[in-house]
Amino acid sequence: MSKKSLSSRLKKRIIIEEPIRTADGAGGFTITWNRVGDAWVEIVPKNQVSNRESFDYGKLNNNSLYSVVLRYREDIKHTMRLVVDGQVLNIRAIINPDFGRKTLEIIAESGVGV
């Protein structure tokens, strides 16, 4: 069985955003999101932990985990987020699977705040 090439697997376009904190004048801050770039990715739901449900403050939350594979880039940080077809995915882990500079695997979660 032949393995598909990386370029043939990267079929989904995402937006990469970073948080910008701005003082609100009352001692706090507001967060806005700045577009850092775009990338072609492969997104796969994580089988055993996707669609897990939890209760926070009496409210049911339905969170899903995804594996997002993209070409290697050095500017991705844990504080950033991914936007896929309008859905926000928060970055939970960044993995360099072969310790090379070919790909990154990002574990991202939907349904939760930063």
N, C-alpha and C. Protein backbone atom coordinates (compact mmCIF):
# COMPACT_ATOMS: atom_id res chain seq x y z
N MET A 1 0.85 -1.16 0.00
CA MET A 1 0.00 0.00 0.00
C MET A 1 0.90 1.24 0.00
N SER A 2 0.69 2.16 -0.93
CA SER A 2 1.53 3.35 -0.99
C SER A 2 0.94 4.46 -0.13
N LYS A 3 1.81 5.21 0.46
CA LYS A 3 1.40 6.32 1.31
C LYS A 3 1.22 7.57 0.45
N LYS A 4 0.16 8.33 0.68
CA LYS A 4 -0.09 9.54 -0.10
C LYS A 4 0.99 10.57 0.20
N SER A 5 1.33 11.36 -0.81
CA SER A 5 2.31 12.42 -0.61
C SER A 5 1.70 13.51 0.27
N LEU A 6 2.57 14.27 0.92
CA LEU A 6 2.11 15.31 1.82
C LEU A 6 1.25 16.32 1.08
N SER A 7 1.70 16.76 -0.08
CA SER A 7 0.94 17.78 -0.81
C SER A 7 -0.45 17.30 -1.21
N SER A 8 -0.63 16.02 -1.45
CA SER A 8 -1.96 15.51 -1.79
C SER A 8 -2.88 15.40 -0.58
N ARG A 9 -2.31 15.40 0.62
CA ARG A 9 -3.12 15.31 1.85
C ARG A 9 -3.54 16.68 2.37
N LEU A 10 -2.83 17.74 2.01
CA LEU A 10 -3.12 19.08 2.54
C LEU A 10 -4.19 19.75 1.69
N LYS A 11 -5.44 19.50 2.04
CA LYS A 11 -6.56 19.94 1.19
C LYS A 11 -7.42 21.03 1.82
N LYS A 12 -7.23 21.33 3.08
CA LYS A 12 -8.08 22.29 3.78
C LYS A 12 -7.27 23.56 4.07
N ARG A 13 -7.85 24.71 3.80
CA ARG A 13 -7.18 25.99 4.05
C ARG A 13 -7.60 26.52 5.42
N ILE A 14 -6.63 26.91 6.22
CA ILE A 14 -6.93 27.46 7.55
C ILE A 14 -6.33 28.85 7.68
N ILE A 15 -6.79 29.58 8.67
CA ILE A 15 -6.22 30.88 9.05
C ILE A 15 -5.54 30.68 10.40
N ILE A 16 -4.35 31.25 10.55
CA ILE A 16 -3.60 31.20 11.81
C ILE A 16 -3.68 32.59 12.42
N GLU A 17 -4.10 32.67 13.69
CA GLU A 17 -4.26 33.96 14.36
C GLU A 17 -3.49 33.99 15.67
N GLU A 18 -3.01 35.20 16.04
CA GLU A 18 -2.34 35.39 17.32
C GLU A 18 -3.11 36.43 18.14
N PRO A 19 -3.08 36.28 19.48
CA PRO A 19 -3.80 37.24 20.31
C PRO A 19 -3.01 38.54 20.47
N ILE A 20 -3.73 39.65 20.47
CA ILE A 20 -3.15 40.97 20.73
C ILE A 20 -3.89 41.54 21.94
N ARG A 21 -3.13 41.81 23.01
CA ARG A 21 -3.73 42.39 24.21
C ARG A 21 -3.64 43.91 24.14
N THR A 22 -4.77 44.56 24.42
CA THR A 22 -4.83 46.02 24.40
C THR A 22 -5.40 46.48 25.74
N ALA A 23 -4.72 47.43 26.37
CA ALA A 23 -5.20 47.98 27.64
C ALA A 23 -6.58 48.59 27.44
N ASP A 24 -7.47 48.35 28.42
CA ASP A 24 -8.82 48.88 28.30
C ASP A 24 -9.02 50.19 29.06
N GLY A 25 -7.95 50.70 29.71
CA GLY A 25 -8.04 51.97 30.43
C GLY A 25 -8.57 51.83 31.85
N ALA A 26 -8.98 50.63 32.24
CA ALA A 26 -9.51 50.42 33.58
C ALA A 26 -8.65 49.39 34.34
N GLY A 27 -7.42 49.20 33.89
CA GLY A 27 -6.52 48.26 34.55
C GLY A 27 -6.56 46.86 33.98
N GLY A 28 -7.43 46.63 33.05
CA GLY A 28 -7.53 45.31 32.41
C GLY A 28 -7.10 45.38 30.96
N PHE A 29 -7.54 44.43 30.20
CA PHE A 29 -7.19 44.42 28.77
C PHE A 29 -8.26 43.68 27.98
N THR A 30 -8.27 43.93 26.71
CA THR A 30 -9.12 43.18 25.80
C THR A 30 -8.22 42.42 24.83
N ILE A 31 -8.72 41.31 24.33
CA ILE A 31 -7.96 40.51 23.38
C ILE A 31 -8.64 40.59 22.02
N THR A 32 -7.85 40.95 21.02
CA THR A 32 -8.30 40.87 19.64
C THR A 32 -7.38 39.88 18.94
N TRP A 33 -7.83 39.37 17.81
CA TRP A 33 -7.05 38.34 17.11
C TRP A 33 -6.55 38.89 15.79
N ASN A 34 -5.24 38.76 15.59
CA ASN A 34 -4.55 39.25 14.40
C ASN A 34 -4.19 38.08 13.49
N ARG A 35 -4.51 38.20 12.22
CA ARG A 35 -4.19 37.15 11.25
C ARG A 35 -2.68 37.13 10.99
N VAL A 36 -2.07 35.98 11.27
CA VAL A 36 -0.63 35.78 11.05
C VAL A 36 -0.38 35.23 9.66
N GLY A 37 -1.25 34.36 9.21
CA GLY A 37 -1.07 33.75 7.90
C GLY A 37 -2.11 32.69 7.62
N ASP A 38 -1.92 31.99 6.52
CA ASP A 38 -2.79 30.90 6.09
C ASP A 38 -1.92 29.67 5.86
N ALA A 39 -2.55 28.51 5.84
CA ALA A 39 -1.81 27.29 5.54
C ALA A 39 -2.77 26.24 5.01
N TRP A 40 -2.24 25.38 4.16
CA TRP A 40 -2.96 24.19 3.72
C TRP A 40 -2.67 23.09 4.72
N VAL A 41 -3.71 22.39 5.16
CA VAL A 41 -3.56 21.39 6.22
C VAL A 41 -4.38 20.14 5.92
N GLU A 42 -4.07 19.10 6.68
CA GLU A 42 -4.90 17.91 6.78
C GLU A 42 -5.46 17.90 8.19
N ILE A 43 -6.77 17.79 8.34
CA ILE A 43 -7.40 17.78 9.66
C ILE A 43 -8.08 16.43 9.86
N VAL A 44 -7.74 15.78 10.99
CA VAL A 44 -8.30 14.47 11.31
C VAL A 44 -8.79 14.50 12.76
N PRO A 45 -10.05 14.14 13.01
CA PRO A 45 -10.52 14.04 14.40
C PRO A 45 -9.71 12.99 15.16
N LYS A 46 -9.40 13.28 16.42
CA LYS A 46 -8.72 12.31 17.28
C LYS A 46 -9.77 11.34 17.78
N ASN A 47 -9.69 10.08 17.38
CA ASN A 47 -10.74 9.08 17.59
C ASN A 47 -11.19 8.90 19.03
N GLN A 48 -10.28 8.57 19.92
CA GLN A 48 -10.69 8.16 21.26
C GLN A 48 -11.08 9.32 22.16
N VAL A 49 -10.66 10.53 21.84
CA VAL A 49 -10.99 11.64 22.73
C VAL A 49 -11.84 12.71 22.07
N SER A 50 -12.25 12.49 20.83
CA SER A 50 -13.08 13.51 20.19
C SER A 50 -14.49 13.45 20.76
N ASN A 51 -15.16 14.56 20.66
CA ASN A 51 -16.55 14.68 21.11
C ASN A 51 -16.72 14.31 22.58
N ARG A 52 -15.77 14.68 23.41
CA ARG A 52 -15.96 14.41 24.84
C ARG A 52 -16.79 15.53 25.43
N GLU A 53 -17.60 15.16 26.37
CA GLU A 53 -18.50 16.11 26.99
C GLU A 53 -18.06 16.34 28.42
N SER A 54 -18.22 17.58 28.89
CA SER A 54 -17.89 17.91 30.26
C SER A 54 -18.88 18.95 30.76
N PHE A 55 -18.96 19.07 32.07
CA PHE A 55 -19.81 20.09 32.67
C PHE A 55 -18.92 21.14 33.31
N ASP A 56 -19.10 22.38 32.93
CA ASP A 56 -18.42 23.51 33.54
C ASP A 56 -19.47 24.48 34.04
N TYR A 57 -19.49 24.70 35.33
CA TYR A 57 -20.44 25.62 35.95
C TYR A 57 -21.87 25.28 35.56
N GLY A 58 -22.19 24.00 35.53
CA GLY A 58 -23.54 23.55 35.24
C GLY A 58 -23.91 23.57 33.76
N LYS A 59 -22.95 23.89 32.89
CA LYS A 59 -23.22 23.97 31.46
C LYS A 59 -22.51 22.82 30.75
N LEU A 60 -23.22 22.14 29.87
CA LEU A 60 -22.64 21.04 29.11
C LEU A 60 -21.76 21.60 27.99
N ASN A 61 -20.52 21.15 27.93
CA ASN A 61 -19.60 21.55 26.87
C ASN A 61 -19.26 20.34 26.02
N ASN A 62 -19.31 20.50 24.73
CA ASN A 62 -18.97 19.43 23.80
C ASN A 62 -17.68 19.83 23.10
N ASN A 63 -16.56 19.25 23.52
CA ASN A 63 -15.24 19.60 22.99
C ASN A 63 -14.76 18.49 22.07
N SER A 64 -14.10 18.88 20.99
CA SER A 64 -13.54 17.91 20.07
C SER A 64 -12.06 18.21 19.86
N LEU A 65 -11.25 17.15 19.80
CA LEU A 65 -9.82 17.30 19.52
C LEU A 65 -9.55 16.90 18.09
N TYR A 66 -8.59 17.60 17.46
CA TYR A 66 -8.21 17.35 16.08
C TYR A 66 -6.70 17.29 15.96
N SER A 67 -6.25 16.47 15.04
CA SER A 67 -4.85 16.47 14.62
C SER A 67 -4.79 17.27 13.33
N VAL A 68 -3.98 18.33 13.34
CA VAL A 68 -3.84 19.21 12.18
C VAL A 68 -2.40 19.11 11.69
N VAL A 69 -2.21 18.60 10.48
CA VAL A 69 -0.87 18.43 9.92
C VAL A 69 -0.66 19.50 8.85
N LEU A 70 0.50 20.17 8.92
CA LEU A 70 0.84 21.20 7.95
C LEU A 70 2.34 21.18 7.68
N ARG A 71 2.74 21.87 6.65
CA ARG A 71 4.18 22.00 6.37
C ARG A 71 4.84 22.75 7.52
N TYR A 72 6.09 22.42 7.79
CA TYR A 72 6.82 23.01 8.91
C TYR A 72 6.89 24.53 8.77
N ARG A 73 6.68 25.21 9.88
CA ARG A 73 6.89 26.65 9.99
C ARG A 73 7.27 26.96 11.42
N GLU A 74 8.14 27.94 11.59
CA GLU A 74 8.68 28.26 12.91
C GLU A 74 7.84 29.24 13.70
N ASP A 75 6.87 29.88 13.07
CA ASP A 75 6.15 30.96 13.74
C ASP A 75 4.89 30.53 14.49
N ILE A 76 4.62 29.25 14.60
CA ILE A 76 3.42 28.77 15.32
C ILE A 76 3.75 28.67 16.81
N LYS A 77 2.85 29.24 17.64
CA LYS A 77 3.03 29.21 19.10
C LYS A 77 1.77 28.66 19.76
N HIS A 78 1.92 28.18 20.99
CA HIS A 78 0.79 27.61 21.74
C HIS A 78 -0.32 28.62 22.02
N THR A 79 0.02 29.91 22.01
CA THR A 79 -0.97 30.94 22.32
C THR A 79 -1.86 31.28 21.13
N MET A 80 -1.52 30.77 19.97
CA MET A 80 -2.28 31.07 18.75
C MET A 80 -3.50 30.18 18.63
N ARG A 81 -4.29 30.45 17.60
CA ARG A 81 -5.44 29.61 17.31
C ARG A 81 -5.56 29.45 15.80
N LEU A 82 -6.34 28.45 15.42
CA LEU A 82 -6.59 28.16 14.01
C LEU A 82 -8.07 28.41 13.74
N VAL A 83 -8.38 28.91 12.57
CA VAL A 83 -9.77 29.11 12.17
C VAL A 83 -10.01 28.29 10.90
N VAL A 84 -10.96 27.36 11.00
CA VAL A 84 -11.28 26.46 9.90
C VAL A 84 -12.74 26.64 9.54
N ASP A 85 -13.01 27.16 8.36
CA ASP A 85 -14.40 27.40 7.93
C ASP A 85 -15.20 28.14 8.99
N GLY A 86 -14.60 29.12 9.63
CA GLY A 86 -15.27 29.92 10.65
C GLY A 86 -15.26 29.32 12.05
N GLN A 87 -14.83 28.09 12.20
CA GLN A 87 -14.77 27.43 13.51
C GLN A 87 -13.38 27.63 14.12
N VAL A 88 -13.35 28.06 15.38
CA VAL A 88 -12.10 28.32 16.07
C VAL A 88 -11.58 27.04 16.73
N LEU A 89 -10.30 26.74 16.49
CA LEU A 89 -9.61 25.62 17.14
C LEU A 89 -8.46 26.18 17.94
N ASN A 90 -8.44 25.93 19.24
CA ASN A 90 -7.36 26.39 20.10
C ASN A 90 -6.23 25.38 20.11
N ILE A 91 -5.01 25.87 19.99
CA ILE A 91 -3.84 24.99 19.94
C ILE A 91 -3.54 24.46 21.33
N ARG A 92 -3.44 23.15 21.46
CA ARG A 92 -3.12 22.50 22.73
C ARG A 92 -1.71 21.93 22.75
N ALA A 93 -1.19 21.52 21.59
CA ALA A 93 0.17 20.97 21.51
C ALA A 93 0.69 21.17 20.09
N ILE A 94 2.00 21.37 19.99
CA ILE A 94 2.68 21.48 18.70
C ILE A 94 3.76 20.42 18.68
N ILE A 95 3.68 19.51 17.71
CA ILE A 95 4.59 18.36 17.67
C ILE A 95 5.38 18.41 16.36
N ASN A 96 6.69 18.24 16.48
CA ASN A 96 7.55 18.11 15.31
C ASN A 96 7.86 16.62 15.19
N PRO A 97 7.07 15.86 14.44
CA PRO A 97 7.10 14.40 14.51
C PRO A 97 8.42 13.74 14.15
N ASP A 98 9.16 14.30 13.23
CA ASP A 98 10.41 13.64 12.84
C ASP A 98 11.63 14.45 13.25
N PHE A 99 11.44 15.46 14.09
CA PHE A 99 12.51 16.36 14.53
C PHE A 99 13.24 16.99 13.35
N GLY A 100 12.57 17.03 12.23
CA GLY A 100 13.10 17.68 11.05
C GLY A 100 12.30 18.93 10.78
N ARG A 101 12.42 19.43 9.61
CA ARG A 101 11.69 20.64 9.24
C ARG A 101 10.79 20.36 8.05
N LYS A 102 10.06 19.24 8.16
CA LYS A 102 9.16 18.87 7.06
C LYS A 102 7.71 19.18 7.41
N THR A 103 7.25 18.68 8.56
CA THR A 103 5.86 18.87 8.95
C THR A 103 5.75 19.23 10.42
N LEU A 104 4.59 19.74 10.78
CA LEU A 104 4.18 19.93 12.17
C LEU A 104 2.85 19.24 12.36
N GLU A 105 2.64 18.68 13.52
CA GLU A 105 1.31 18.20 13.90
C GLU A 105 0.86 19.06 15.06
N ILE A 106 -0.30 19.65 14.90
CA ILE A 106 -0.88 20.49 15.95
C ILE A 106 -2.10 19.75 16.49
N ILE A 107 -2.14 19.60 17.81
CA ILE A 107 -3.35 19.07 18.46
C ILE A 107 -4.16 20.30 18.84
N ALA A 108 -5.36 20.38 18.30
CA ALA A 108 -6.22 21.55 18.51
C ALA A 108 -7.58 21.10 19.03
N GLU A 109 -8.20 22.02 19.77
CA GLU A 109 -9.48 21.69 20.42
C GLU A 109 -10.53 22.73 20.08
N SER A 110 -11.71 22.26 19.75
CA SER A 110 -12.84 23.17 19.52
C SER A 110 -13.74 23.16 20.74
N GLY A 111 -14.58 24.17 20.84
CA GLY A 111 -15.58 24.18 21.89
C GLY A 111 -15.14 24.72 23.23
N VAL A 112 -13.91 25.26 23.31
CA VAL A 112 -13.43 25.83 24.57
C VAL A 112 -12.76 27.17 24.32
N GLY A 113 -12.64 27.96 25.37
CA GLY A 113 -11.92 29.23 25.26
C GLY A 113 -10.44 29.02 25.37
N VAL A 114 -9.71 30.08 25.16
CA VAL A 114 -8.24 30.01 25.19
C VAL A 114 -7.74 29.71 26.53
